[in-house]
C-alpha cells in the first residue's frame, strides 16, 4: 500500500523483484524514502509519515514475538506520543527459531529444514 507495487514484481531487476528483499535492503541503507509510491501525491507529500508507518509495520512483524508492540503501543505511536523501537529486525525470511538454532550449530538438512521439530506455537508466538 505504501510502495504502490505488488509483493512480487517480475518487471523489476532481480534484486528488486521481491518487495520484502528490497524493503530490507533499503531499510539497512536508510533509504526507505526511495520505495514510497511515486505516483501517489499524498504519499509524496507525507513522505516522512509514510516511512514512520513502514517502521510501525516492521515493528509489528518482528520474528521474535516478544519484540512486537502491544496494540496500545501502536496507538500511542500513531498519536505521536511514543516512538517506534529503533533496533528493528528487517529479516522476514528466516523465522527467529531457525536463526537461533543455526546460531548454536544444530544440524540443518539440505533444504534448510531444522532437524528437530519446532511446534507452530513456538514459531508464531502469541498474537
Protein backbone atom coordinates (compact mmCIF):
# COMPACT_ATOMS: atom_id res chain seq x y z
CA UNK A 1 0.00 0.00 0.00
CA UNK A 2 2.80 2.41 0.81
CA UNK A 3 5.06 1.38 -2.05
CA UNK A 4 2.42 1.16 -4.78
CA UNK A 5 3.53 -2.25 -6.01
CA UNK A 6 2.88 -5.95 -5.57
CA UNK A 7 4.96 -8.19 -3.34
CA UNK A 8 6.42 -9.91 -6.43
CA UNK A 9 7.06 -7.69 -9.45
CA UNK A 10 8.78 -9.58 -12.26
CA UNK A 11 9.21 -6.35 -14.26
CA UNK A 12 11.84 -5.17 -11.73
CA UNK A 13 15.53 -6.13 -11.74
CA UNK A 14 16.14 -9.45 -9.97
CA UNK A 15 17.45 -7.83 -6.76
CA UNK A 16 14.29 -5.67 -6.53
CA UNK A 17 11.75 -8.26 -7.68
CA UNK A 18 10.69 -9.29 -4.15
CA UNK A 19 9.34 -6.34 -2.18
CA UNK A 20 10.48 -7.64 1.23
CA UNK A 21 14.06 -8.08 0.00
CA UNK A 22 14.01 -4.59 -1.47
CA UNK A 23 12.47 -3.23 1.73
CA UNK A 24 15.14 -4.90 3.88
CA UNK A 25 17.96 -3.53 1.72
CA UNK A 26 16.52 0.00 1.64
CA UNK A 27 15.98 -0.06 5.41
CA UNK A 28 19.57 -1.15 6.02
CA UNK A 29 20.77 1.63 3.68
CA UNK A 30 18.42 4.11 5.43
CA UNK A 31 16.77 4.80 2.06
CA UNK A 32 13.11 3.92 2.75
CA UNK A 33 12.07 7.16 1.05
CA UNK A 34 13.14 5.56 -2.25
CA UNK A 35 10.39 2.93 -2.17
CA UNK A 36 7.42 5.19 -1.46
CA UNK A 37 4.79 5.15 -4.22
CA UNK A 38 6.00 7.79 -6.68
CA UNK A 39 2.59 8.02 -8.40
CA UNK A 40 0.61 8.87 -5.26
CA UNK A 41 0.68 12.58 -4.46
CA UNK A 42 -0.49 12.04 -0.85
CA UNK A 43 2.33 9.57 -0.24
CA UNK A 44 4.85 12.01 -1.66
CA UNK A 45 3.52 14.95 0.34
CA UNK A 46 3.64 12.95 3.60
CA UNK A 47 6.88 11.06 2.92
CA UNK A 48 8.21 11.16 6.49
CA UNK A 49 4.91 9.88 7.90
CA UNK A 50 4.88 7.07 5.31
CA UNK A 51 8.35 5.98 6.43
CA UNK A 52 7.12 6.04 10.03
CA UNK A 53 4.20 3.77 9.04
CA UNK A 54 6.68 1.39 7.39
CA UNK A 55 8.64 1.27 10.64
CA UNK A 56 5.44 0.62 12.64
CA UNK A 57 4.61 -2.26 10.28
CA UNK A 58 8.09 -3.74 10.69
CA UNK A 59 7.85 -3.42 14.47
CA UNK A 60 4.56 -5.34 14.41
CA UNK A 61 6.09 -8.06 12.21
CA UNK A 62 9.16 -8.84 14.29
CA UNK A 63 10.03 -12.55 14.05
CA UNK A 64 10.65 -12.63 17.79
CA UNK A 65 7.10 -12.14 19.08
CA UNK A 66 8.38 -10.75 22.39
CA UNK A 67 9.74 -7.72 20.49
CA UNK A 68 6.37 -6.88 18.89
CA UNK A 69 4.48 -3.90 20.33
CA UNK A 70 1.13 -4.13 22.03
CA UNK A 71 -1.79 -2.52 20.22
CA UNK A 72 -1.84 0.22 22.84
CA UNK A 73 1.80 1.00 21.99
CA UNK A 74 0.90 1.12 18.27
CA UNK A 75 -1.92 3.55 19.03
CA UNK A 76 0.48 5.73 21.03
CA UNK A 77 2.89 5.76 18.06
CA UNK A 78 0.04 6.80 15.76
CA UNK A 79 -0.83 9.57 18.23
CA UNK A 80 2.85 10.62 18.22
CA UNK A 81 3.23 10.16 21.99
CA UNK A 82 5.64 7.18 21.66
CA UNK A 83 8.38 6.46 19.12
CA UNK A 84 8.92 3.22 17.21
CA UNK A 85 11.64 0.98 18.64
CA UNK A 86 15.00 1.67 16.96
CA UNK A 87 16.63 -1.76 16.89
CA UNK A 88 14.25 -3.45 14.41
CA UNK A 89 14.93 -6.76 12.67
CA UNK A 90 14.22 -6.47 8.94
CA UNK A 91 14.88 -10.16 8.23
CA UNK A 92 11.46 -11.60 7.43
CA UNK A 93 12.66 -14.66 5.51
CA UNK A 94 14.04 -16.86 8.32
CA UNK A 95 11.93 -17.38 11.46
CA UNK A 96 13.71 -16.42 14.67
CA UNK A 97 13.64 -20.06 15.87
CA UNK A 98 15.66 -21.18 12.86
CA UNK A 99 18.14 -18.33 13.27
CA UNK A 100 18.66 -19.20 16.93
CA UNK A 101 19.14 -22.90 16.19
CA UNK A 102 21.57 -22.19 13.34
CA UNK A 103 23.49 -19.88 15.65
CA UNK A 104 24.12 -22.67 18.16
CA UNK A 105 25.13 -25.11 15.43
CA UNK A 106 22.30 -27.66 15.26
CA UNK A 107 22.04 -29.83 12.16
CA UNK A 108 20.15 -28.42 9.18
CA UNK A 109 19.26 -30.65 6.23
CA UNK A 110 19.97 -29.91 2.53
CA UNK A 111 16.87 -27.74 2.06
CA UNK A 112 17.41 -25.73 5.22
CA UNK A 113 14.85 -27.51 7.41
CA UNK A 114 15.71 -27.93 11.07
CA UNK A 115 16.37 -31.49 12.12
CA UNK A 116 14.41 -31.09 15.35
CA UNK A 117 10.71 -30.27 15.16
CA UNK A 118 9.53 -26.78 16.05
CA UNK A 119 5.92 -26.52 17.10
CA UNK A 120 3.68 -23.88 15.47
CA UNK A 121 3.10 -22.22 18.84
CA UNK A 122 6.85 -21.65 19.19
CA UNK A 123 7.23 -20.31 15.65
CA UNK A 124 4.34 -17.86 15.69
CA UNK A 125 4.14 -16.87 19.32
CA UNK A 126 1.09 -15.12 20.76
CA UNK A 127 -0.70 -12.65 18.51
